[in-house]
């Protein structure tokens, strides 16, 4: 089983496997057909308050990761549902809308899920 991350605005590929959007809000200017999603899991996205606070500021990255991890721990049912899905698929791509490919929730979520799967 492999977890990948990818901007939702990039062209879908067969190698993406099962495509899961992990944003709380729908990506601007993108139709559902263009997104080619298999699933949209808003429950594992950062809260609106955290998302607005972070504002994709790399200077807030360390604190964002900590706060987002706290939110994930506070919603174990959503994380467990996503883990169950991951176990049934060979490849899952977590999709995000942010321009910054290194500082976004999908990076943190992927790491969190991989740690849980390794247990």
Protein backbone atom coordinates (compact mmCIF):
# COMPACT_ATOMS: atom_id res chain seq x y z
CA UNK A 1 0.00 0.00 0.00
CA UNK A 2 1.33 3.40 -1.00
CA UNK A 3 0.20 6.88 0.03
CA UNK A 4 1.01 9.71 -2.34
CA UNK A 5 0.23 13.42 -2.30
CA UNK A 6 -0.58 15.64 -5.27
CA UNK A 7 -2.08 19.01 -6.09
CA UNK A 8 -5.67 18.49 -7.17
CA UNK A 9 -5.10 20.93 -10.06
CA UNK A 10 -2.59 18.60 -11.72
CA UNK A 11 -3.84 16.24 -14.40
CA UNK A 12 -5.19 12.98 -12.95
CA UNK A 13 -3.15 9.90 -13.79
CA UNK A 14 -3.86 6.18 -13.59
CA UNK A 15 -0.88 5.90 -11.25
CA UNK A 16 -2.75 8.07 -8.71
CA UNK A 17 -4.84 5.08 -7.73
CA UNK A 18 -7.70 6.04 -5.43
CA UNK A 19 -7.93 9.87 -5.35
CA UNK A 20 -8.99 11.48 -2.05
CA UNK A 21 -9.42 15.24 -1.60
CA UNK A 22 -8.37 16.24 1.93
CA UNK A 23 -9.31 19.94 1.82
CA UNK A 24 -12.19 21.41 3.83
CA UNK A 25 -13.25 23.69 0.97
CA UNK A 26 -13.66 22.86 -2.71
CA UNK A 27 -10.70 23.97 -4.92
CA UNK A 28 -11.47 27.19 -6.80
CA UNK A 29 -12.20 26.98 -10.49
CA UNK A 30 -12.14 23.19 -10.61
CA UNK A 31 -15.11 21.12 -11.71
CA UNK A 32 -15.88 17.73 -10.20
CA UNK A 33 -15.03 16.13 -13.54
CA UNK A 34 -11.63 17.83 -13.66
CA UNK A 35 -10.87 16.79 -10.08
CA UNK A 36 -11.65 13.14 -10.88
CA UNK A 37 -12.13 12.32 -7.20
CA UNK A 38 -13.04 9.02 -5.72
CA UNK A 39 -13.71 10.56 -2.32
CA UNK A 40 -13.77 13.94 -0.55
CA UNK A 41 -12.97 13.67 3.17
CA UNK A 42 -13.50 17.09 4.71
CA UNK A 43 -13.42 15.68 8.24
CA UNK A 44 -9.65 15.09 8.15
CA UNK A 45 -8.86 18.57 6.83
CA UNK A 46 -7.62 21.29 9.20
CA UNK A 47 -10.35 23.32 10.87
CA UNK A 48 -11.31 26.61 9.27
CA UNK A 49 -9.72 28.45 12.21
CA UNK A 50 -6.42 26.61 11.83
CA UNK A 51 -6.42 26.94 8.04
CA UNK A 52 -6.96 30.71 8.23
CA UNK A 53 -4.35 31.12 10.99
CA UNK A 54 -1.74 29.20 8.99
CA UNK A 55 -2.39 30.98 5.68
CA UNK A 56 0.29 28.75 4.11
CA UNK A 57 3.00 30.80 5.82
CA UNK A 58 6.16 28.61 5.93
CA UNK A 59 7.22 30.51 9.07
CA UNK A 60 4.23 28.96 10.88
CA UNK A 61 4.87 25.44 9.52
CA UNK A 62 6.20 23.80 12.70
CA UNK A 63 3.34 25.14 14.80
CA UNK A 64 0.79 24.27 12.10
CA UNK A 65 1.99 20.65 12.07
CA UNK A 66 1.64 20.44 15.85
CA UNK A 67 -1.83 22.01 15.90
CA UNK A 68 -3.06 19.94 12.98
CA UNK A 69 -1.79 16.73 14.62
CA UNK A 70 -3.76 17.73 17.73
CA UNK A 71 -6.88 18.13 15.57
CA UNK A 72 -6.34 14.72 13.99
CA UNK A 73 -6.00 13.13 17.43
CA UNK A 74 -9.25 14.85 18.46
CA UNK A 75 -11.13 13.22 15.53
CA UNK A 76 -10.01 9.58 15.58
CA UNK A 77 -13.18 8.31 13.88
CA UNK A 78 -12.44 10.23 10.66
CA UNK A 79 -8.79 9.15 10.71
CA UNK A 80 -9.75 5.52 11.35
CA UNK A 81 -12.24 5.56 8.47
CA UNK A 82 -9.49 6.84 6.17
CA UNK A 83 -7.09 4.20 7.48
CA UNK A 84 -9.63 1.49 6.70
CA UNK A 85 -9.87 2.77 3.16
CA UNK A 86 -6.09 2.88 2.78
CA UNK A 87 -5.79 -0.75 3.83
CA UNK A 88 -8.15 -1.79 1.03
CA UNK A 89 -6.35 0.08 -1.80
CA UNK A 90 -2.91 -0.46 -3.31
CA UNK A 91 -2.33 3.25 -4.01
CA UNK A 92 -4.09 6.25 -2.50
CA UNK A 93 -3.31 9.82 -3.52
CA UNK A 94 -4.17 12.56 -1.03
CA UNK A 95 -5.16 15.63 -3.02
CA UNK A 96 -4.78 19.22 -1.86
CA UNK A 97 -5.39 22.62 -3.42
CA UNK A 98 -2.52 24.66 -1.96
CA UNK A 99 0.17 26.05 -4.26
CA UNK A 100 2.94 25.19 -1.79
CA UNK A 101 3.63 21.49 -2.25
CA UNK A 102 5.90 21.26 0.79
CA UNK A 103 3.79 23.12 3.37
CA UNK A 104 0.21 21.84 3.32
CA UNK A 105 -2.07 19.55 5.29
CA UNK A 106 -1.62 16.58 2.93
CA UNK A 107 2.08 16.41 3.88
CA UNK A 108 1.19 16.25 7.58
CA UNK A 109 -1.72 13.86 7.06
CA UNK A 110 0.39 11.46 4.97
CA UNK A 111 3.04 11.34 7.70
CA UNK A 112 0.38 10.84 10.39
CA UNK A 113 -1.30 7.99 8.47
CA UNK A 114 2.00 6.25 7.71
CA UNK A 115 2.95 6.32 11.39
CA UNK A 116 -0.41 4.80 12.34
CA UNK A 117 -0.10 2.10 9.67
CA UNK A 118 3.41 1.20 10.87
CA UNK A 119 2.14 0.34 14.36
